[in-house]
């Protein structure tokens, strides 16, 4: 369960939306972005023991992000936002295949989404709003409730701010 909470935290820092073709893309520039996510949580264990096999599967970046989250620090990372990601509404996040998304409202300035994620050990439900302040700045909020086996509920809230760094992504994916 604890491993799944960490993976959900990582994936939901910026959430992916695989939306229908008629959903409008956010008005944001393709290129390199810096994304900062702050969070608060209730119902989360004070310490999380991640199994060694799960730790071995994490990239160094994922491990650092989990460590920062558990310490209550904002997560800051870079992401390459492509035109295709913007068109698919999957910018600012890795693909999260085990989740379903329902776009509530979408314009080139703002997208509102409800989501449900399910796996063997837990489920998560929530919503988020991403807003393009201008083509160089995107902000958002995420509210999520995770349930593990019916006996443990964790509520998480995230505040996200993203700023455009430039057109070249270099080695950042």
Protein backbone atom coordinates (compact mmCIF):
# COMPACT_ATOMS: atom_id res chain seq x y z
CA UNK A 1 0.00 0.00 0.00
CA UNK A 2 2.72 2.45 0.94
CA UNK A 3 4.51 1.83 -2.32
CA UNK A 4 1.33 2.52 -4.26
CA UNK A 5 0.76 5.79 -2.36
CA UNK A 6 4.26 6.93 -3.33
CA UNK A 7 3.75 6.00 -6.97
CA UNK A 8 0.38 7.77 -6.99
CA UNK A 9 2.03 10.85 -5.47
CA UNK A 10 4.71 10.84 -8.15
CA UNK A 11 2.27 10.33 -10.99
CA UNK A 12 -0.26 12.82 -9.70
CA UNK A 13 2.18 15.70 -9.21
CA UNK A 14 1.26 16.77 -12.64
CA UNK A 15 -1.26 14.17 -13.89
CA UNK A 16 -1.74 13.04 -17.46
CA UNK A 17 -4.96 13.50 -19.33
CA UNK A 18 -5.66 11.38 -22.40
CA UNK A 19 -8.58 13.35 -23.70
CA UNK A 20 -10.86 13.22 -26.70
CA UNK A 21 -9.84 14.88 -29.95
CA UNK A 22 -12.25 17.80 -29.47
CA UNK A 23 -10.65 18.87 -26.17
CA UNK A 24 -8.71 22.11 -26.53
CA UNK A 25 -4.99 22.15 -25.74
CA UNK A 26 -3.72 24.55 -23.11
CA UNK A 27 -2.14 27.69 -24.54
CA UNK A 28 1.43 26.84 -23.50
CA UNK A 29 4.68 26.91 -25.45
CA UNK A 30 6.41 23.67 -26.44
CA UNK A 31 9.86 23.33 -24.90
CA UNK A 32 11.54 22.94 -21.52
CA UNK A 33 9.44 23.67 -18.42
CA UNK A 34 10.21 23.74 -14.71
CA UNK A 35 7.38 22.34 -12.61
CA UNK A 36 7.06 22.95 -8.87
CA UNK A 37 4.50 21.01 -6.84
CA UNK A 38 3.75 21.65 -3.17
CA UNK A 39 1.51 19.29 -1.26
CA UNK A 40 -0.35 18.63 1.92
CA UNK A 41 -1.70 15.27 3.04
CA UNK A 42 -3.77 13.84 5.84
CA UNK A 43 -4.03 10.20 6.81
CA UNK A 44 -0.58 9.39 5.49
CA UNK A 45 1.80 7.30 7.60
CA UNK A 46 4.65 9.23 9.25
CA UNK A 47 7.17 6.98 7.53
CA UNK A 48 6.87 4.96 4.39
CA UNK A 49 8.78 1.72 4.04
CA UNK A 50 9.20 1.11 0.34
CA UNK A 51 10.13 -2.47 -0.49
CA UNK A 52 13.65 -2.91 -1.92
CA UNK A 53 12.29 -4.26 -5.23
CA UNK A 54 10.17 -1.12 -5.69
CA UNK A 55 13.16 1.09 -4.86
CA UNK A 56 15.27 -0.80 -7.41
CA UNK A 57 12.70 -0.05 -10.14
CA UNK A 58 12.72 3.71 -9.46
CA UNK A 59 14.94 6.06 -11.40
CA UNK A 60 17.21 8.28 -9.29
CA UNK A 61 14.89 11.19 -10.13
CA UNK A 62 11.80 9.27 -8.94
CA UNK A 63 13.59 8.28 -5.74
CA UNK A 64 14.59 11.89 -5.04
CA UNK A 65 11.02 13.03 -5.66
CA UNK A 66 9.61 10.46 -3.22
CA UNK A 67 12.20 11.46 -0.61
CA UNK A 68 11.32 15.14 -1.06
CA UNK A 69 7.60 14.42 -0.82
CA UNK A 70 8.02 12.42 2.36
CA UNK A 71 10.07 15.25 3.84
CA UNK A 72 7.30 17.73 2.99
CA UNK A 73 9.46 19.62 0.50
CA UNK A 74 8.11 20.95 -2.79
CA UNK A 75 8.92 18.76 -5.78
CA UNK A 76 10.79 20.67 -8.50
CA UNK A 77 11.55 18.96 -11.80
CA UNK A 78 11.96 19.74 -15.48
CA UNK A 79 9.85 18.34 -18.27
CA UNK A 80 9.98 18.57 -22.05
CA UNK A 81 6.54 19.67 -23.23
CA UNK A 82 6.01 18.84 -26.89
CA UNK A 83 3.32 20.05 -29.27
CA UNK A 84 1.95 16.48 -29.30
CA UNK A 85 1.72 16.38 -25.49
CA UNK A 86 -0.15 19.68 -25.54
CA UNK A 87 -2.55 18.43 -28.22
CA UNK A 88 -3.22 15.21 -26.25
CA UNK A 89 -3.52 17.16 -22.98
CA UNK A 90 -0.75 15.00 -21.55
CA UNK A 91 1.73 17.82 -20.94
CA UNK A 92 3.26 18.26 -17.49
CA UNK A 93 2.99 14.54 -16.61
CA UNK A 94 4.11 11.01 -17.38
CA UNK A 95 1.56 8.60 -18.83
CA UNK A 96 -0.44 6.84 -16.14
CA UNK A 97 -2.22 4.00 -17.93
CA UNK A 98 -4.24 2.60 -15.02
CA UNK A 99 -6.26 5.78 -14.56
CA UNK A 100 -9.38 6.97 -16.31
CA UNK A 101 -10.04 10.65 -16.91
CA UNK A 102 -13.20 12.63 -17.49
CA UNK A 103 -12.65 16.12 -18.86
CA UNK A 104 -15.28 18.32 -17.22
CA UNK A 105 -14.39 21.55 -19.00
CA UNK A 106 -11.69 22.52 -21.47
CA UNK A 107 -10.56 25.77 -23.10
CA UNK A 108 -7.17 26.92 -24.32
CA UNK A 109 -6.76 28.67 -20.94
CA UNK A 110 -8.14 26.11 -18.48
CA UNK A 111 -8.86 22.40 -18.20
CA UNK A 112 -10.84 20.72 -15.43
CA UNK A 113 -10.63 16.93 -15.01
CA UNK A 114 -11.99 14.22 -12.72
CA UNK A 115 -10.01 10.98 -12.48
CA UNK A 116 -10.11 7.49 -11.03
CA UNK A 117 -7.06 5.26 -10.59
CA UNK A 118 -7.33 1.60 -9.63
CA UNK A 119 -4.79 -1.11 -8.94
CA UNK A 120 -4.68 -4.34 -6.92
CA UNK A 121 -4.01 -2.66 -3.59
CA UNK A 122 -5.63 0.78 -3.75
CA UNK A 123 -7.83 3.20 -5.59
CA UNK A 124 -7.71 6.98 -5.94
CA UNK A 125 -10.34 9.48 -6.96
CA UNK A 126 -9.87 13.15 -7.48
CA UNK A 127 -9.98 16.19 -9.65
CA UNK A 128 -7.63 18.82 -10.91
CA UNK A 129 -7.60 22.15 -12.68
CA UNK A 130 -4.73 23.39 -14.85
CA UNK A 131 -4.74 26.98 -16.05
CA UNK A 132 -2.50 28.69 -18.60
CA UNK A 133 -1.90 32.12 -17.07
CA UNK A 134 -0.09 32.95 -20.31
CA UNK A 135 1.91 30.83 -22.75
CA UNK A 136 4.93 30.88 -20.36
CA UNK A 137 3.16 30.05 -17.08
CA UNK A 138 0.78 27.25 -16.10
CA UNK A 139 -0.63 26.72 -12.63
CA UNK A 140 -2.90 24.10 -11.18
CA UNK A 141 -4.40 22.32 -8.22
CA UNK A 142 -5.05 18.65 -7.56
CA UNK A 143 -7.30 17.11 -4.90
CA UNK A 144 -7.10 13.34 -4.46
CA UNK A 145 -8.41 10.75 -2.00
CA UNK A 146 -6.71 7.33 -1.96
CA UNK A 147 -8.12 4.27 -0.28
CA UNK A 148 -6.12 1.17 0.51
CA UNK A 149 -8.20 -1.93 1.15
CA UNK A 150 -11.03 0.02 2.74
CA UNK A 151 -9.15 0.58 6.01
CA UNK A 152 -6.77 3.42 5.17
CA UNK A 153 -7.70 6.69 3.48
CA UNK A 154 -5.23 9.40 2.51
CA UNK A 155 -6.29 12.84 1.29
CA UNK A 156 -3.77 14.80 -0.75
CA UNK A 157 -3.83 18.32 -2.15
CA UNK A 158 -1.25 19.72 -4.54
CA UNK A 159 -0.52 23.21 -5.81
CA UNK A 160 1.43 23.26 -9.06
CA UNK A 161 3.22 26.09 -10.82
CA UNK A 162 5.09 25.66 -14.08
CA UNK A 163 7.28 28.09 -15.95
CA UNK A 164 8.66 27.96 -19.46
CA UNK A 165 12.47 27.84 -19.62
CA UNK A 166 13.07 27.79 -23.37
CA UNK A 167 12.50 25.96 -26.66
CA UNK A 168 15.36 23.42 -26.33
CA UNK A 169 14.83 20.43 -24.02
CA UNK A 170 18.34 18.97 -24.22
CA UNK A 171 18.38 15.58 -22.44
CA UNK A 172 15.13 16.21 -20.55
CA UNK A 173 12.20 14.08 -21.69
